Amino acid sequence: MLTESDIAVLVQVARLYYEKGLTQAEIAAKIGVSRPQVSKMLAHAREAGIVHIEIRPPVAGDAELLKLLGQRFGIKGGIVLPSAPRDELLRHSAVYIEAELRGEKSAGLGWGYTLGEIAAKIALDGGLKGTGSIFPLIGKTAIPNRGYRVNELAQLLAGSGREAFWLEAEAFPDSSEARDAVEGTDNFKQAAGLWQQATAALAEIRAYPGVPDEATALRFEDALERQQAVGSLLSYYFNVRGEFISGACDFAVRIPLKILRQVPKVIAIGLTAGDKAVLGALHTGLVTHLIVTEDVARKVLQK
């Protein structure tokens, strides 16, 4: 058992180290002991409850709601953000995504208004840290918003330290023959190889119906309405039970579902999708990490 004298010494050493910023060697010289003894004293101070170390990430979010989402849907991580101005939500999301993707050497991305805004935030900070490749998981479109220019998003996230791959194919060919022609190109074959190697994917959950429309009438006719679609991820549409909806003329150029399911980390941005779309996305089993607001998280957990 520690005596009052022992406790006083431990408090002194802890203050010198944690509050004054002295090194263990400096403390050893100051109180006349060896540096290994100082290290042991600091360990004893933690064990005795004199020192309590709390690790607080820059973006904490609601840990309890995230835990409940994990227990119910099997997600491995994410962040549940409190209600805040949009720019603040984007900033916190950018910090979280940068941290999650920092160690990923092979990361793919989708599209969306919010994803585009987050990518711009990350680009202002020099892009993703670390090395590796960034590549689109879906083809390009004529939608003018920056969030749908997937090659530009890849370049924004890559910054100066990573390699950005450009996918030249259009996302929505109008026939199976047109898609087959795309799949025969060297550029597509390179993309398909990158998809196979992906260790992380970043995508936005979109509500259905939504703006902009992703050629849904051409691809699905009335199937989305008949089968009660609530949202999409990488232009894969699903109902609230997470069941995917097929379209007779859906020839989209994107990562196949069976390959996407093998990606270890799938980060889904659900800040603007609404609770039904987020619930459906979680039920698909694709999402491993979720970015969502507290309000939507609570509604999802109530369903």
Protein backbone atom coordinates (compact mmCIF):
# COMPACT_ATOMS: atom_id res chain seq x y z
CA MET A 1 0.00 0.00 0.00
CA LEU A 2 1.27 3.48 -0.84
CA THR A 3 2.16 5.74 2.07
CA GLU A 4 1.39 9.45 2.10
CA SER A 5 5.07 10.04 1.35
CA ASP A 6 4.94 7.70 -1.66
CA ILE A 7 1.83 9.44 -2.97
CA ALA A 8 3.44 12.86 -2.56
CA VAL A 9 6.44 11.76 -4.64
CA LEU A 10 4.20 10.28 -7.35
CA VAL A 11 2.17 13.49 -7.51
CA GLN A 12 5.39 15.53 -7.78
CA VAL A 13 6.74 13.37 -10.60
CA ALA A 14 3.41 13.39 -12.44
CA ARG A 15 3.14 17.18 -12.26
CA LEU A 16 6.69 17.63 -13.53
CA TYR A 17 6.05 15.28 -16.44
CA TYR A 18 2.47 16.03 -17.49
CA GLU A 19 2.04 19.67 -16.41
CA LYS A 20 5.55 21.11 -16.61
CA GLY A 21 6.60 19.12 -19.65
CA LEU A 22 9.93 17.91 -18.29
CA THR A 23 11.48 14.80 -19.79
CA GLN A 24 11.98 11.69 -17.70
CA ALA A 25 15.74 12.30 -17.74
CA GLU A 26 15.25 15.87 -16.47
CA ILE A 27 12.95 14.67 -13.69
CA ALA A 28 15.47 11.98 -12.70
CA ALA A 29 18.22 14.57 -12.36
CA LYS A 30 15.93 16.93 -10.45
CA ILE A 31 14.82 14.45 -7.76
CA GLY A 32 17.97 12.31 -7.66
CA VAL A 33 16.77 8.98 -9.09
CA SER A 34 17.39 7.04 -12.33
CA ARG A 35 15.33 7.56 -15.47
CA PRO A 36 13.89 3.99 -15.35
CA GLN A 37 12.71 4.75 -11.81
CA VAL A 38 10.88 7.82 -13.09
CA SER A 39 9.19 5.67 -15.75
CA LYS A 40 8.04 3.23 -13.05
CA MET A 41 6.76 6.11 -10.90
CA LEU A 42 4.66 7.44 -13.77
CA ALA A 43 3.22 3.96 -14.33
CA HIS A 44 2.44 3.66 -10.60
CA ALA A 45 0.76 7.09 -10.69
CA ARG A 46 -1.59 5.87 -13.44
CA GLU A 47 -2.29 2.59 -11.63
CA ALA A 48 -3.06 4.43 -8.39
CA GLY A 49 -5.51 6.76 -10.12
CA ILE A 50 -3.35 9.82 -9.52
CA VAL A 51 -3.04 10.30 -13.27
CA HIS A 52 -5.98 9.75 -15.59
CA ILE A 53 -5.16 9.85 -19.29
CA GLU A 54 -8.10 10.55 -21.59
CA ILE A 55 -7.61 10.25 -25.32
CA ARG A 56 -9.93 12.67 -27.06
CA PRO A 57 -9.99 12.53 -30.85
CA PRO A 58 -10.39 15.89 -32.62
CA VAL A 59 -13.86 14.80 -33.71
CA ALA A 60 -15.54 12.80 -30.97
CA GLY A 61 -19.19 12.63 -32.00
CA ASP A 62 -21.76 10.67 -30.05
CA ALA A 63 -19.96 7.47 -29.06
CA GLU A 64 -23.02 5.86 -27.47
CA LEU A 65 -25.18 6.23 -30.59
CA LEU A 66 -22.34 4.90 -32.72
CA LYS A 67 -22.01 1.91 -30.38
CA LEU A 68 -25.74 1.18 -30.70
CA LEU A 69 -25.52 1.40 -34.50
CA GLY A 70 -22.60 -1.02 -34.41
CA GLN A 71 -24.46 -3.48 -32.22
CA ARG A 72 -27.52 -3.46 -34.46
CA PHE A 73 -26.00 -3.23 -37.93
CA GLY A 74 -22.48 -4.55 -37.45
CA ILE A 75 -20.65 -1.41 -38.54
CA LYS A 76 -17.06 -1.14 -37.32
CA GLY A 77 -16.73 2.61 -36.95
CA GLY A 78 -17.86 6.04 -38.01
CA ILE A 79 -18.95 9.28 -36.43
CA VAL A 80 -22.33 10.56 -35.24
CA LEU A 81 -22.28 14.34 -35.42
CA PRO A 82 -24.44 16.75 -33.40
CA SER A 83 -26.67 19.26 -35.15
CA ALA A 84 -24.48 22.07 -36.45
CA PRO A 85 -24.13 24.45 -39.40
CA ARG A 86 -23.41 22.59 -42.63
CA ASP A 87 -19.87 23.89 -42.95
CA GLU A 88 -19.04 22.55 -39.50
CA LEU A 89 -20.46 19.13 -40.36
CA LEU A 90 -18.38 19.09 -43.53
CA ARG A 91 -15.24 20.10 -41.65
CA HIS A 92 -15.65 17.38 -39.01
CA SER A 93 -16.41 14.82 -41.71
CA ALA A 94 -13.29 15.82 -43.63
CA VAL A 95 -11.12 15.39 -40.52
CA TYR A 96 -12.64 11.98 -39.83
CA ILE A 97 -12.28 10.74 -43.42
CA GLU A 98 -8.70 11.95 -43.70
CA ALA A 99 -7.81 10.03 -40.55
CA GLU A 100 -9.59 6.86 -41.74
CA LEU A 101 -7.98 6.89 -45.19
CA ARG A 102 -4.50 7.99 -44.15
CA GLY A 103 -3.17 4.45 -43.93
CA GLU A 104 -5.11 3.06 -46.89
CA LYS A 105 -2.89 2.48 -49.93
CA SER A 106 -5.72 1.72 -52.36
CA ALA A 107 -8.88 3.82 -51.93
CA GLY A 108 -11.83 4.17 -54.27
CA LEU A 109 -14.54 6.81 -54.23
CA GLY A 110 -18.02 7.49 -55.51
CA TRP A 111 -19.87 10.74 -56.05
CA GLY A 112 -22.39 13.14 -54.52
CA TYR A 113 -22.85 16.78 -53.57
CA THR A 114 -21.69 16.27 -49.99
CA LEU A 115 -18.78 14.05 -50.97
CA GLY A 116 -17.63 16.77 -53.35
CA GLU A 117 -17.75 19.41 -50.62
CA ILE A 118 -15.82 17.18 -48.22
CA ALA A 119 -13.21 16.42 -50.88
CA ALA A 120 -12.73 20.16 -51.37
CA LYS A 121 -12.15 20.58 -47.61
CA ILE A 122 -9.55 17.81 -47.63
CA ALA A 123 -7.89 19.35 -50.70
CA LEU A 124 -7.49 22.67 -48.86
CA ASP A 125 -5.35 20.77 -46.36
CA GLY A 126 -3.17 19.29 -49.10
CA GLY A 127 -5.18 16.15 -49.85
CA LEU A 128 -5.01 12.80 -48.10
CA LYS A 129 -1.82 12.17 -46.19
CA GLY A 130 0.26 9.10 -46.90
CA THR A 131 0.92 7.37 -50.20
CA GLY A 132 -1.03 5.12 -52.52
CA SER A 133 -3.67 5.41 -55.22
CA ILE A 134 -7.09 7.08 -55.40
CA PHE A 135 -9.55 6.04 -58.09
CA PRO A 136 -13.24 6.30 -59.07
CA LEU A 137 -15.55 3.39 -58.35
CA ILE A 138 -18.05 4.58 -60.95
CA GLY A 139 -17.81 6.20 -64.38
CA LYS A 140 -18.16 9.88 -65.19
CA THR A 141 -21.34 11.80 -65.98
CA ALA A 142 -22.38 15.07 -67.56
CA ILE A 143 -23.85 16.33 -64.27
CA PRO A 144 -22.16 19.73 -63.86
CA ASN A 145 -21.79 19.74 -60.07
CA ARG A 146 -18.23 19.13 -58.92
CA GLY A 147 -19.39 16.33 -56.64
CA TYR A 148 -20.19 14.25 -59.72
CA ARG A 149 -16.88 14.81 -61.49
CA VAL A 150 -15.32 11.67 -60.07
CA ASN A 151 -11.94 12.07 -61.73
CA GLU A 152 -11.60 15.57 -60.35
CA LEU A 153 -12.56 14.30 -56.89
CA ALA A 154 -9.84 11.65 -57.14
CA GLN A 155 -7.32 14.36 -58.00
CA LEU A 156 -8.48 16.56 -55.11
CA LEU A 157 -8.09 13.76 -52.59
CA ALA A 158 -4.78 12.58 -54.02
CA GLY A 159 -3.08 15.93 -53.46
CA SER A 160 0.64 15.79 -54.15
CA GLY A 161 1.42 12.58 -52.27
CA ARG A 162 -0.83 10.05 -53.98
CA GLU A 163 -1.54 8.91 -57.50
CA ALA A 164 -4.98 9.69 -58.96
CA PHE A 165 -6.35 7.32 -61.59
CA TRP A 166 -8.80 8.69 -64.16
CA LEU A 167 -11.66 6.49 -65.37
CA GLU A 168 -12.59 7.65 -68.85
CA ALA A 169 -15.81 5.66 -69.25
CA GLU A 170 -19.28 7.18 -69.02
CA ALA A 171 -21.24 5.89 -66.04
CA PHE A 172 -24.46 5.09 -67.90
CA PRO A 173 -24.07 3.47 -71.33
CA ASP A 174 -27.41 3.08 -73.11
CA SER A 175 -26.94 -0.56 -74.14
CA SER A 176 -25.18 -3.75 -73.16
CA GLU A 177 -23.13 -3.48 -76.36
CA ALA A 178 -21.91 -0.03 -75.34
CA ARG A 179 -20.97 -1.31 -71.89
CA ASP A 180 -19.16 -4.31 -73.40
CA ALA A 181 -17.15 -1.92 -75.57
CA VAL A 182 -16.16 0.07 -72.47
CA GLU A 183 -15.14 -3.08 -70.62
CA GLY A 184 -12.82 -3.99 -73.49
CA THR A 185 -10.71 -0.85 -73.14
CA ASP A 186 -7.34 -0.78 -71.41
CA ASN A 187 -8.50 2.09 -69.21
CA PHE A 188 -11.43 0.07 -67.85
CA LYS A 189 -9.26 -2.99 -67.32
CA GLN A 190 -6.90 -0.86 -65.24
CA ALA A 191 -9.84 0.41 -63.20
CA ALA A 192 -11.15 -3.12 -62.68
CA GLY A 193 -7.73 -4.15 -61.41
CA LEU A 194 -7.73 -1.29 -58.92
CA TRP A 195 -11.21 -2.23 -57.72
CA GLN A 196 -9.97 -5.74 -56.97
CA GLN A 197 -7.16 -4.30 -54.84
CA ALA A 198 -9.22 -1.68 -52.99
CA THR A 199 -8.75 -1.61 -49.23
CA ALA A 200 -11.20 1.26 -48.70
CA ALA A 201 -14.16 2.87 -50.44
CA LEU A 202 -15.73 6.29 -49.84
CA ALA A 203 -19.31 6.77 -51.03
CA GLU A 204 -22.33 8.95 -50.36
CA ILE A 205 -25.75 7.60 -49.43
CA ARG A 206 -28.35 9.33 -51.60
CA ALA A 207 -32.07 9.48 -50.98
CA TYR A 208 -34.51 8.39 -53.67
CA PRO A 209 -36.08 10.25 -55.31
CA GLY A 210 -33.37 12.87 -55.37
CA VAL A 211 -31.66 15.55 -57.40
CA PRO A 212 -29.77 15.14 -59.63
CA ASP A 213 -31.43 12.12 -61.15
CA GLU A 214 -29.03 9.37 -62.20
CA ALA A 215 -30.76 8.36 -65.45
CA THR A 216 -33.21 6.28 -63.43
CA ALA A 217 -36.08 6.33 -65.95
CA LEU A 218 -33.83 4.97 -68.70
CA ARG A 219 -32.21 2.36 -66.47
CA PHE A 220 -35.12 1.18 -64.32
CA GLU A 221 -38.36 2.34 -65.99
CA ASP A 222 -40.84 2.10 -63.07
CA ALA A 223 -38.99 -0.57 -61.04
CA LEU A 224 -37.77 1.85 -58.38
CA GLU A 225 -41.30 3.03 -57.64
CA ARG A 226 -42.81 -0.46 -57.75
CA GLN A 227 -40.17 -1.89 -55.43
CA GLN A 228 -40.19 1.15 -53.13
CA ALA A 229 -36.62 2.38 -53.49
CA VAL A 230 -35.48 4.67 -50.68
CA GLY A 231 -31.88 5.38 -51.61
CA SER A 232 -28.71 4.51 -53.46
CA LEU A 233 -25.00 3.96 -52.94
CA LEU A 234 -22.72 4.18 -55.99
CA SER A 235 -25.97 4.29 -58.00
CA TYR A 236 -27.02 0.89 -56.65
CA TYR A 237 -30.63 1.43 -55.58
CA PHE A 238 -32.19 -0.35 -52.61
CA ASN A 239 -35.37 -0.46 -50.54
CA VAL A 240 -35.58 0.11 -46.78
CA ARG A 241 -34.79 -3.58 -46.16
CA GLY A 242 -31.51 -3.21 -48.02
CA GLU A 243 -32.63 -5.27 -51.00
CA PHE A 244 -31.08 -4.12 -54.28
CA ILE A 245 -33.35 -3.27 -57.20
CA SER A 246 -32.43 -4.38 -60.71
CA GLY A 247 -33.20 -2.45 -63.87
CA ALA A 248 -33.76 -4.10 -67.24
CA CYS A 249 -31.64 -1.41 -68.90
CA ASP A 250 -29.16 -0.74 -66.11
CA PHE A 251 -25.76 -1.02 -67.77
CA ALA A 252 -23.90 1.21 -65.31
CA VAL A 253 -20.10 1.18 -65.30
CA ARG A 254 -19.02 0.82 -61.67
CA ILE A 255 -17.46 -1.57 -59.18
CA PRO A 256 -19.49 -4.82 -59.11
CA LEU A 257 -21.38 -5.52 -55.89
CA LYS A 258 -19.57 -8.80 -55.28
CA ILE A 259 -16.24 -6.96 -55.33
CA LEU A 260 -17.54 -4.05 -53.26
CA ARG A 261 -18.60 -6.53 -50.58
CA GLN A 262 -14.99 -7.66 -50.31
CA VAL A 263 -13.62 -4.17 -49.62
CA PRO A 264 -12.57 -4.16 -45.93
CA LYS A 265 -13.58 -0.56 -45.24
CA VAL A 266 -16.62 1.12 -46.84
CA ILE A 267 -17.18 4.62 -45.48
CA ALA A 268 -20.69 5.90 -46.23
CA ILE A 269 -21.58 9.59 -45.92
CA GLY A 270 -25.20 9.91 -44.82
CA LEU A 271 -25.42 13.55 -43.77
CA THR A 272 -28.22 14.55 -46.15
CA ALA A 273 -29.83 11.25 -47.12
CA GLY A 274 -32.49 11.00 -44.42
CA ASP A 275 -33.27 8.13 -42.08
CA LYS A 276 -34.95 5.79 -44.60
CA ALA A 277 -32.04 5.90 -47.02
CA VAL A 278 -29.49 5.46 -44.23
CA LEU A 279 -31.47 2.55 -42.77
CA GLY A 280 -31.67 0.88 -46.17
CA ALA A 281 -27.95 1.39 -46.76
CA LEU A 282 -27.12 -0.19 -43.40
CA HIS A 283 -29.36 -3.15 -44.19
CA THR A 284 -27.44 -3.83 -47.43
CA GLY A 285 -24.49 -4.98 -45.33
CA LEU A 286 -22.06 -2.96 -47.44
CA VAL A 287 -21.37 -0.16 -44.95
CA THR A 288 -18.57 -0.65 -42.41
CA HIS A 289 -18.16 2.99 -41.35
CA LEU A 290 -20.96 5.58 -41.23
CA ILE A 291 -20.97 9.38 -41.08
CA VAL A 292 -24.36 10.63 -39.94
CA THR A 293 -26.05 13.23 -37.74
CA GLU A 294 -27.41 12.47 -34.28
CA ASP A 295 -30.95 13.19 -35.44
CA VAL A 296 -30.83 10.64 -38.25
CA ALA A 297 -29.02 8.10 -36.07
CA ARG A 298 -31.77 8.27 -33.44
CA LYS A 299 -34.51 7.89 -36.07
CA VAL A 300 -32.74 4.89 -37.60
CA LEU A 301 -32.41 3.21 -34.20
CA GLN A 302 -36.11 3.78 -33.50
CA LYS A 303 -37.19 1.88 -36.63
